[in-house]
Amino acid sequence: MLQGVIIRHLFLPGKFEETAEVLQWLKENADEKAILSLMNQYTPVPFDEDSEKLESRKKALSTIENRLVNEQEFTDVQDLLEAFDFEYLYYQELTDDTSWLPDFRKKQPFSNKLATPLWHFNHNL
């Protein structure tokens, strides 16, 4: 893509109705004007915290289901996307692979595969 707009929307588990409303709005207002990128990679992360901080975090997350998107939700969203028939659309395939998640308790939180630079910028140029 050399120019234009990509609108990214993160589909959260247990929030199909909200995503349906967003997609309806995008169909009416952005279709053929932007590329839609629908993401489903919300990933719950276990927390090692004292009970007070853990309760605070659970309260903050209480508005969402702290889990991966399931197969039925993914199928429902695919059906909705097919019904809306967007001109330009990308969406992620469903996966339960969480190996890409960084472990910030480690000195090098990213796996070597993910930490390999794709290019090198020469600051002296």
Protein backbone atom coordinates (compact mmCIF):
# COMPACT_ATOMS: atom_id res chain seq x y z
CA MET A 1 0.00 0.00 0.00
CA LEU A 2 1.50 3.33 -1.05
CA GLN A 3 -1.22 5.59 0.28
CA GLY A 4 -4.60 5.49 1.95
CA VAL A 5 -6.10 4.59 5.28
CA ILE A 6 -6.23 1.31 7.16
CA ILE A 7 -8.80 1.09 9.93
CA ARG A 8 -7.95 -1.57 12.49
CA HIS A 9 -10.56 -2.99 14.84
CA LEU A 10 -9.78 -5.41 17.65
CA PHE A 11 -12.59 -7.95 18.07
CA LEU A 12 -12.78 -8.76 21.78
CA PRO A 13 -14.06 -12.07 23.15
CA GLY A 14 -17.65 -11.81 24.32
CA LYS A 15 -18.17 -8.50 22.48
CA PHE A 16 -19.79 -9.62 19.23
CA GLU A 17 -22.58 -7.04 19.41
CA GLU A 18 -20.08 -4.20 19.79
CA THR A 19 -18.08 -5.43 16.82
CA ALA A 20 -21.28 -5.78 14.78
CA GLU A 21 -22.09 -2.13 15.52
CA VAL A 22 -18.57 -1.02 14.54
CA LEU A 23 -18.69 -3.03 11.31
CA GLN A 24 -22.13 -1.60 10.47
CA TRP A 25 -20.77 1.94 10.94
CA LEU A 26 -17.67 1.15 8.86
CA LYS A 27 -19.80 -0.32 6.07
CA GLU A 28 -21.93 2.82 5.96
CA ASN A 29 -19.10 5.34 6.35
CA ALA A 30 -15.77 3.89 5.30
CA ASP A 31 -16.32 1.08 2.80
CA GLU A 32 -14.42 1.73 -0.45
CA LYS A 33 -12.63 4.65 1.28
CA ALA A 34 -10.38 2.65 3.59
CA ILE A 35 -9.07 -0.85 4.16
CA LEU A 36 -10.54 -2.65 7.15
CA SER A 37 -8.21 -4.79 9.23
CA LEU A 38 -10.09 -6.94 11.74
CA MET A 39 -7.89 -8.30 14.50
CA ASN A 40 -8.76 -11.04 16.97
CA GLN A 41 -5.50 -11.32 18.86
CA TYR A 42 -6.69 -10.18 22.28
CA THR A 43 -4.73 -12.45 24.57
CA PRO A 44 -5.20 -12.83 28.31
CA VAL A 45 -1.98 -12.69 30.27
CA PRO A 46 -1.54 -14.29 33.69
CA PHE A 47 -0.46 -11.86 36.38
CA ASP A 48 1.88 -12.53 39.30
CA GLU A 49 0.83 -9.82 41.71
CA ASP A 50 -0.18 -9.48 45.31
CA SER A 51 -3.89 -9.96 45.99
CA GLU A 52 -4.68 -6.21 46.20
CA LYS A 53 -3.14 -5.44 42.80
CA LEU A 54 -4.68 -8.57 41.31
CA GLU A 55 -8.18 -7.56 42.49
CA SER A 56 -7.64 -4.08 41.05
CA ARG A 57 -6.61 -5.57 37.69
CA LYS A 58 -9.59 -7.95 37.67
CA LYS A 59 -11.91 -5.02 38.34
CA ALA A 60 -10.35 -3.07 35.46
CA LEU A 61 -10.83 -6.07 33.16
CA SER A 62 -14.38 -6.81 34.34
CA THR A 63 -15.96 -5.28 31.22
CA ILE A 64 -14.39 -7.89 28.94
CA GLU A 65 -14.05 -11.64 29.02
CA ASN A 66 -10.36 -12.17 29.70
CA ARG A 67 -9.87 -15.09 27.28
CA LEU A 68 -9.10 -15.83 23.64
CA VAL A 69 -11.77 -15.49 20.95
CA ASN A 70 -13.42 -18.89 20.52
CA GLU A 71 -14.29 -20.72 17.30
CA GLN A 72 -18.02 -19.89 17.44
CA GLU A 73 -17.31 -16.17 17.86
CA PHE A 74 -14.84 -16.30 14.98
CA THR A 75 -17.39 -18.06 12.75
CA ASP A 76 -20.05 -15.50 13.69
CA VAL A 77 -17.73 -12.62 12.78
CA GLN A 78 -16.81 -14.29 9.48
CA ASP A 79 -20.53 -14.63 8.68
CA LEU A 80 -21.03 -10.95 9.48
CA LEU A 81 -18.10 -9.94 7.29
CA GLU A 82 -19.50 -11.99 4.44
CA ALA A 83 -22.90 -10.32 4.86
CA PHE A 84 -21.38 -6.83 4.83
CA ASP A 85 -19.24 -7.68 1.78
CA PHE A 86 -16.56 -5.04 2.40
CA GLU A 87 -14.62 -3.87 -0.64
CA TYR A 88 -11.20 -3.99 1.11
CA LEU A 89 -10.84 -6.26 4.11
CA TYR A 90 -8.17 -8.23 5.92
CA TYR A 91 -8.76 -10.37 8.96
CA GLN A 92 -6.63 -12.65 11.08
CA GLU A 93 -7.14 -16.36 11.12
CA LEU A 94 -8.10 -17.78 14.50
CA THR A 95 -5.24 -19.25 16.50
CA ASP A 96 -4.60 -20.18 20.08
CA ASP A 97 -0.82 -19.87 19.68
CA THR A 98 0.45 -17.50 22.35
CA SER A 99 4.14 -18.31 21.93
CA TRP A 100 4.73 -14.82 20.50
CA LEU A 101 3.85 -13.17 23.82
CA PRO A 102 6.85 -11.53 25.50
CA ASP A 103 7.78 -12.65 29.02
CA PHE A 104 8.83 -9.43 30.71
CA ARG A 105 10.16 -11.32 33.71
CA LYS A 106 13.11 -12.35 31.54
CA LYS A 107 16.13 -10.22 30.63
CA GLN A 108 15.30 -10.82 26.94
CA PRO A 109 11.47 -10.90 26.94
CA PHE A 110 11.12 -11.76 23.25
CA SER A 111 12.00 -15.10 21.71
CA ASN A 112 15.10 -15.08 19.50
CA LYS A 113 12.89 -15.70 16.49
CA LEU A 114 10.89 -12.55 17.24
CA ALA A 115 13.90 -10.48 18.31
CA THR A 116 15.83 -10.91 15.06
CA PRO A 117 16.14 -7.53 13.30
CA LEU A 118 14.71 -7.41 9.80
CA TRP A 119 16.96 -4.52 8.79
CA HIS A 120 19.79 -2.48 10.19
CA PHE A 121 19.68 1.29 10.25
CA ASN A 122 23.05 2.99 9.84
CA HIS A 123 23.03 6.17 11.94
CA ASN A 124 26.20 7.41 10.23
CA LEU A 125 24.60 7.98 6.83
